[in-house]
Amino acid sequence: MQFERRMTVVGSGIFETLDALLDAPFALCSVVTDSEGRPMDYRFLRASGCLEEVLGAGALEGRTARELASHLDNAWVETFGRVALDRTAVRFTQRADATGRDYEVLAAPLDPPGCFAVTFRDVTRSREHAAALDHAQRLLRELGHRVMNSFASISAILAMEARAAPPEGRGALKRVQGRVQALAALYRRLDGAPEMESTEVGGYLAGNVQGFRSAFAADLDIRCDLPPTTLPTRTAVPLALILNEILTDAAAQAVEVGHFGIRVSLHREGDSCRLVVEHGGAAMTEGSVGRSLAAAFAAELGGELASEAIPGGVRTIVAFQV
């Protein structure tokens, strides 16, 4: 079929309507084949003004792709040949050497056989952004591994120092080690998480309690009521450090005065949260390092640290808004 005849099968009115409606480069084309019917080029039957502007080669109607780019990648011709001759629509992304840009391309067959419609969407910036984001994520993962290794090294050093320290200094070193482990637990939880702005703190605190129980090397009866609770990530570290200070003080009392149980709970109602720790000992000593730190972390949350007597022990409460 000659070029002139193929031009007649495309309604000018329809094309002009599409040109006005579509905010993207597009064209109606026909495949040029060799003597054996193999695709060797394609010709523009109609081309949108947007496409002509992108290519910057003037009017495209009647011209072939190889006239515009003598070193045209054969992949374009082969792909459009399959669309036009095998009657199969395709969508793919490829770089166009003529413009140096990346395009998402959608091509579909038209009648008569050998013709096709094609539209282009410039995705260069999207692909560049995706590549930059992937690179940043790889760097972040590498940084996370290094931070975790640093936490592990610091924790190991503190454990060695605690074993070698005189009895009166071991408690302080263990408390510092607990703080390091609380931070390390949060990094492990955030590593690879899809969301960085918030985290599920119920499981995070439960993991901290388990780690505390193991590190303390004592038969501690710690019972938890920590339902899944999503909070801003910025609240997770102060909350974990508060819990660590309270547990450390309670565990020290349990060893000193005898065995008693410890109960830990976290509950949220609307924007209000309460962390509660109950045990059979006494309240944290006013002015002690542990209580001062716990109060400071509570203030960081915009809340307060309070204690009240209960039958057979004490209840420590941290209430804050999220």
Protein backbone atom coordinates (compact mmCIF):
# COMPACT_ATOMS: atom_id res chain seq x y z
CA MET A 1 0.00 0.00 0.00
CA GLN A 2 1.39 3.34 -0.99
CA PHE A 3 2.06 6.18 1.46
CA GLU A 4 -0.65 8.38 -0.14
CA ARG A 5 -3.30 5.68 0.31
CA ARG A 6 -2.30 5.05 3.90
CA MET A 7 -2.73 8.73 4.60
CA THR A 8 -6.39 8.53 3.54
CA VAL A 9 -7.29 5.92 6.20
CA VAL A 10 -6.52 8.33 9.06
CA GLY A 11 -9.29 10.82 9.67
CA SER A 12 -7.92 14.35 9.90
CA GLY A 13 -10.72 15.43 12.22
CA ILE A 14 -10.02 12.63 14.70
CA PHE A 15 -6.31 13.29 14.66
CA GLU A 16 -6.78 17.03 15.22
CA THR A 17 -9.10 16.27 18.15
CA LEU A 18 -6.50 13.95 19.70
CA ASP A 19 -3.80 16.55 19.14
CA ALA A 20 -5.87 19.08 21.05
CA LEU A 21 -6.76 16.70 23.90
CA LEU A 22 -3.53 14.80 24.50
CA ASP A 23 -0.82 16.64 26.39
CA ALA A 24 1.89 14.27 25.18
CA PRO A 25 3.89 13.63 22.00
CA PHE A 26 2.15 11.08 19.76
CA ALA A 27 2.07 9.98 16.15
CA LEU A 28 0.37 7.69 13.65
CA CYS A 29 2.92 5.68 11.67
CA SER A 30 3.38 2.87 9.19
CA VAL A 31 6.15 0.29 9.11
CA VAL A 32 8.57 0.27 6.17
CA THR A 33 9.65 -3.28 5.27
CA ASP A 34 12.35 -4.76 3.05
CA SER A 35 11.74 -7.12 0.12
CA GLU A 36 11.26 -10.03 2.53
CA GLY A 37 8.72 -8.21 4.65
CA ARG A 38 11.04 -7.49 7.56
CA PRO A 39 10.72 -4.11 9.33
CA MET A 40 13.55 -1.76 8.42
CA ASP A 41 12.12 1.67 9.25
CA TYR A 42 8.86 3.44 10.06
CA ARG A 43 7.21 6.48 8.54
CA PHE A 44 5.25 9.26 10.23
CA LEU A 45 1.75 9.54 8.74
CA ARG A 46 0.61 12.11 11.27
CA ALA A 47 2.60 13.70 14.12
CA SER A 48 1.41 15.91 16.93
CA GLY A 49 2.81 19.39 17.25
CA CYS A 50 4.14 18.40 20.64
CA LEU A 51 6.21 15.59 19.10
CA GLU A 52 7.57 17.87 16.40
CA GLU A 53 8.55 20.36 19.07
CA VAL A 54 10.32 17.68 21.13
CA LEU A 55 12.31 16.35 18.17
CA GLY A 56 13.03 19.84 16.82
CA ALA A 57 13.23 18.52 13.27
CA GLY A 58 10.40 20.47 11.69
CA ALA A 59 7.38 18.83 10.07
CA LEU A 60 7.43 15.04 10.41
CA GLU A 61 4.61 14.01 8.11
CA GLY A 62 5.85 11.68 5.37
CA ARG A 63 9.37 11.37 6.78
CA THR A 64 10.91 8.19 8.17
CA ALA A 65 12.63 7.67 11.49
CA ARG A 66 15.99 6.92 9.84
CA GLU A 67 15.81 10.19 7.90
CA LEU A 68 15.62 11.93 11.27
CA ALA A 69 18.25 9.76 12.99
CA SER A 70 20.56 7.78 10.73
CA HIS A 71 21.90 5.80 13.72
CA LEU A 72 18.44 4.87 14.97
CA ASP A 73 18.49 2.00 17.45
CA ASN A 74 17.09 -1.09 15.69
CA ALA A 75 15.16 -1.94 18.86
CA TRP A 76 12.67 0.83 18.07
CA VAL A 77 12.05 -0.47 14.54
CA GLU A 78 11.78 -4.12 15.66
CA THR A 79 9.36 -3.28 18.45
CA PHE A 80 7.10 -1.12 16.28
CA GLY A 81 7.29 -3.77 13.57
CA ARG A 82 5.84 -6.36 15.95
CA VAL A 83 3.09 -3.96 16.95
CA ALA A 84 2.09 -3.14 13.38
CA LEU A 85 2.51 -6.58 11.78
CA ASP A 86 1.71 -8.95 14.68
CA ARG A 87 -1.13 -6.68 15.89
CA THR A 88 0.07 -6.60 19.51
CA ALA A 89 0.06 -3.49 21.72
CA VAL A 90 3.15 -2.88 23.88
CA ARG A 91 4.30 -0.56 26.64
CA PHE A 92 8.00 -0.10 27.37
CA THR A 93 10.55 2.44 28.53
CA GLN A 94 13.59 3.32 26.45
CA ARG A 95 16.06 6.12 25.82
CA ALA A 96 15.82 8.01 22.54
CA ASP A 97 19.27 8.92 21.22
CA ALA A 98 17.79 11.75 19.15
CA THR A 99 16.75 13.64 22.29
CA GLY A 100 18.88 12.02 24.97
CA ARG A 101 15.72 11.49 27.03
CA ASP A 102 13.97 8.44 28.49
CA TYR A 103 10.40 7.77 27.38
CA GLU A 104 7.60 5.51 28.47
CA VAL A 105 6.17 4.39 25.14
CA LEU A 106 2.74 2.97 24.39
CA ALA A 107 2.18 1.61 20.88
CA ALA A 108 -0.93 -0.07 19.47
CA PRO A 109 -1.82 -1.44 16.01
CA LEU A 110 -4.10 0.43 13.59
CA ASP A 111 -5.92 -0.56 10.45
CA PRO A 112 -4.83 -1.24 7.80
CA PRO A 113 -2.15 -3.79 8.87
CA GLY A 114 1.28 -2.24 8.99
CA CYS A 115 0.07 0.93 10.73
CA PHE A 116 0.29 1.80 14.41
CA ALA A 117 -0.29 4.63 16.87
CA VAL A 118 2.40 5.58 19.37
CA THR A 119 2.53 8.00 22.29
CA PHE A 120 5.52 9.07 24.37
CA ARG A 121 5.79 10.21 27.99
CA ASP A 122 9.07 11.73 29.13
CA VAL A 123 10.15 9.85 32.28
CA THR A 124 13.76 11.01 32.37
CA ARG A 125 13.39 12.93 35.62
CA SER A 126 11.38 10.12 37.21
CA ARG A 127 14.06 7.56 36.34
CA GLU A 128 16.82 9.89 37.51
CA HIS A 129 14.92 10.44 40.75
CA ALA A 130 14.40 6.69 41.17
CA ALA A 131 18.11 6.06 40.57
CA ALA A 132 19.07 8.76 43.07
CA LEU A 133 16.61 7.36 45.62
CA ASP A 134 17.97 3.84 45.14
CA HIS A 135 21.51 5.14 45.65
CA ALA A 136 20.45 7.00 48.80
CA GLN A 137 18.74 3.89 50.16
CA ARG A 138 21.86 1.80 49.58
CA LEU A 139 23.93 4.40 51.43
CA LEU A 140 21.38 4.47 54.24
CA ARG A 141 21.46 0.68 54.58
CA GLU A 142 25.26 0.75 54.67
CA LEU A 143 25.16 3.49 57.30
CA GLY A 144 22.63 1.47 59.29
CA HIS A 145 24.92 -1.59 59.27
CA ARG A 146 27.84 0.53 60.44
CA VAL A 147 25.77 2.10 63.21
CA MET A 148 24.60 -1.33 64.35
CA ASN A 149 28.19 -2.58 64.37
CA SER A 150 29.16 0.45 66.45
CA PHE A 151 26.37 -0.22 68.95
CA ALA A 152 27.44 -3.86 69.22
CA SER A 153 31.07 -2.85 69.83
CA ILE A 154 30.13 -0.28 72.47
CA SER A 155 27.83 -2.76 74.24
CA ALA A 156 30.57 -5.42 74.24
CA ILE A 157 33.11 -2.95 75.66
CA LEU A 158 30.69 -1.91 78.41
CA ALA A 159 30.02 -5.55 79.28
CA MET A 160 33.78 -6.20 79.58
CA GLU A 161 34.26 -3.10 81.72
CA ALA A 162 31.34 -4.10 83.95
CA ARG A 163 32.85 -7.53 84.58
CA ALA A 164 36.22 -5.99 85.43
CA ALA A 165 34.85 -3.09 87.48
CA PRO A 166 34.60 -3.12 91.28
CA PRO A 167 31.12 -4.05 92.59
CA GLU A 168 30.14 -0.45 93.29
CA GLY A 169 30.73 0.53 89.65
CA ARG A 170 29.06 -2.36 87.87
CA GLY A 171 25.53 -1.06 88.23
CA ALA A 172 26.34 2.21 86.49
CA LEU A 173 28.03 0.43 83.60
CA LYS A 174 25.11 -1.95 83.22
CA ARG A 175 22.72 0.99 83.10
CA VAL A 176 24.76 2.61 80.33
CA GLN A 177 24.83 -0.70 78.46
CA GLY A 178 21.04 -0.91 78.73
CA ARG A 179 20.68 2.55 77.18
CA VAL A 180 22.93 1.55 74.28
CA GLN A 181 20.93 -1.63 73.74
CA ALA A 182 17.65 0.34 73.73
CA LEU A 183 18.98 2.55 70.94
CA ALA A 184 20.32 -0.45 69.03
CA ALA A 185 16.91 -2.14 69.23
CA LEU A 186 15.25 0.86 67.61
CA TYR A 187 17.80 0.89 64.77
CA ARG A 188 17.15 -2.79 64.17
CA ARG A 189 13.42 -2.13 64.06
CA LEU A 190 13.76 0.78 61.65
CA ASP A 191 16.23 -1.01 59.36
CA GLY A 192 14.36 -1.70 56.13
CA ALA A 193 11.05 -0.39 57.52
CA PRO A 194 8.85 1.22 54.80
CA GLU A 195 7.89 4.07 57.11
CA MET A 196 10.43 6.12 59.06
CA GLU A 197 8.11 8.75 60.58
CA SER A 198 6.23 6.27 62.76
CA THR A 199 6.87 2.88 64.30
CA GLU A 200 5.00 0.18 66.19
CA VAL A 201 6.30 0.73 69.73
CA GLY A 202 4.46 -2.11 71.47
CA GLY A 203 6.65 -4.75 69.87
CA TYR A 204 9.68 -2.48 70.17
CA LEU A 205 9.27 -2.08 73.93
CA ALA A 206 8.53 -5.81 74.34
CA GLY A 207 11.81 -6.58 72.59
CA ASN A 208 13.60 -4.14 74.88
CA VAL A 209 12.11 -5.84 77.94
CA GLN A 210 13.29 -9.23 76.67
CA GLY A 211 16.76 -7.84 75.99
CA PHE A 212 16.84 -6.25 79.44
CA ARG A 213 15.84 -9.53 81.09
CA SER A 214 18.61 -11.38 79.27
CA ALA A 215 21.26 -8.74 79.92
CA PHE A 216 20.42 -8.43 83.60
CA ALA A 217 21.13 -12.14 84.09
CA ALA A 218 18.57 -12.41 86.88
CA ASP A 219 15.35 -14.35 87.34
CA LEU A 220 13.05 -11.41 86.77
CA ASP A 221 9.31 -11.91 86.53
CA ILE A 222 8.37 -9.17 84.05
CA ARG A 223 4.89 -9.32 82.58
CA CYS A 224 3.94 -7.07 79.68
CA ASP A 225 0.71 -5.62 78.36
CA LEU A 226 2.06 -3.94 75.25
CA PRO A 227 -0.55 -4.05 72.47
CA PRO A 228 0.42 -2.92 68.96
CA THR A 229 0.62 0.87 69.19
CA THR A 230 1.86 3.08 66.37
CA LEU A 231 3.55 6.27 67.55
CA PRO A 232 5.87 8.84 65.98
CA THR A 233 9.39 7.42 65.78
CA ARG A 234 10.73 10.44 67.66
CA THR A 235 8.85 9.23 70.76
CA ALA A 236 10.18 5.68 70.62
CA VAL A 237 13.71 6.35 71.91
CA PRO A 238 12.76 8.50 74.94
CA LEU A 239 10.01 5.98 75.82
CA ALA A 240 12.42 3.05 75.64
CA LEU A 241 15.04 4.88 77.70
CA ILE A 242 12.47 5.78 80.36
CA LEU A 243 11.40 2.14 80.58
CA ASN A 244 15.04 1.06 80.78
CA GLU A 245 15.71 3.39 83.74
CA ILE A 246 12.60 2.25 85.61
CA LEU A 247 13.33 -1.44 85.01
CA THR A 248 16.95 -1.03 86.04
CA ASP A 249 15.93 0.55 89.32
CA ALA A 250 13.20 -2.03 89.94
CA ALA A 251 15.50 -4.96 89.11
CA ALA A 252 18.19 -3.67 91.47
CA GLN A 253 15.62 -3.51 94.27
CA ALA A 254 14.35 -6.99 93.44
CA VAL A 255 17.87 -8.40 93.81
CA GLU A 256 18.50 -6.45 97.00
CA VAL A 257 15.23 -6.95 98.92
CA GLY A 258 13.96 -10.17 97.40
CA HIS A 259 11.99 -11.44 94.44
CA PHE A 260 8.91 -9.51 93.24
CA GLY A 261 7.03 -9.24 89.98
CA ILE A 262 7.15 -6.33 87.54
CA ARG A 263 4.26 -5.35 85.26
CA VAL A 264 4.72 -3.12 82.21
CA SER A 265 1.84 -1.70 80.18
CA LEU A 266 1.33 0.87 77.44
CA HIS A 267 -2.06 2.19 76.40
CA ARG A 268 -3.22 4.87 74.00
CA GLU A 269 -6.60 6.56 73.88
CA GLY A 270 -6.83 9.13 71.10
CA ASP A 271 -3.86 11.43 71.49
CA SER A 272 -3.14 10.38 75.08
CA CYS A 273 -0.59 7.70 75.98
CA ARG A 274 0.38 6.15 79.31
CA LEU A 275 3.38 3.97 80.10
CA VAL A 276 2.86 2.26 83.47
CA VAL A 277 5.30 0.12 85.45
CA GLU A 278 4.20 -1.57 88.68
CA HIS A 279 6.43 -3.55 91.01
CA GLY A 280 6.85 -4.55 94.64
CA GLY A 281 9.64 -2.14 95.45
CA ALA A 282 9.82 1.54 96.23
CA ALA A 283 9.68 4.59 93.98
CA MET A 284 12.87 5.73 92.28
CA THR A 285 14.97 7.82 94.65
CA GLU A 286 14.47 11.54 94.17
CA GLY A 287 17.63 13.11 92.76
CA SER A 288 19.15 9.80 91.62
CA VAL A 289 20.73 9.59 88.18
CA GLY A 290 18.16 7.08 86.97
CA ARG A 291 15.16 9.15 88.08
CA SER A 292 16.68 12.36 86.74
CA LEU A 293 17.23 10.76 83.35
CA ALA A 294 13.74 9.24 83.27
CA ALA A 295 12.20 12.62 84.16
CA ALA A 296 14.26 14.35 81.48
CA PHE A 297 13.16 11.84 78.85
CA ALA A 298 9.53 12.25 79.98
CA ALA A 299 9.88 16.01 79.58
CA GLU A 300 11.24 15.41 76.07
CA LEU A 301 7.95 13.65 75.32
CA GLY A 302 6.06 16.64 76.71
CA GLY A 303 4.90 14.53 79.67
CA GLU A 304 5.69 13.95 83.33
CA LEU A 305 7.12 11.13 85.41
CA ALA A 306 4.98 10.37 88.47
CA SER A 307 4.89 7.65 91.12
CA GLU A 308 2.15 6.53 93.47
CA ALA A 309 1.92 3.92 96.17
CA ILE A 310 -0.14 0.80 95.52
CA PRO A 311 -0.77 -2.17 97.82
CA GLY A 312 2.55 -3.97 98.15
CA GLY A 313 4.59 -1.66 95.97
CA VAL A 314 4.67 1.32 93.65
CA ARG A 315 3.23 2.40 90.31
CA THR A 316 5.31 4.66 88.03
CA ILE A 317 3.43 6.47 85.30
CA VAL A 318 4.57 8.45 82.26
CA ALA A 319 1.67 10.25 80.58
CA PHE A 320 2.13 12.21 77.36
CA GLN A 321 0.35 13.45 74.26
CA VAL A 322 1.11 12.40 70.67
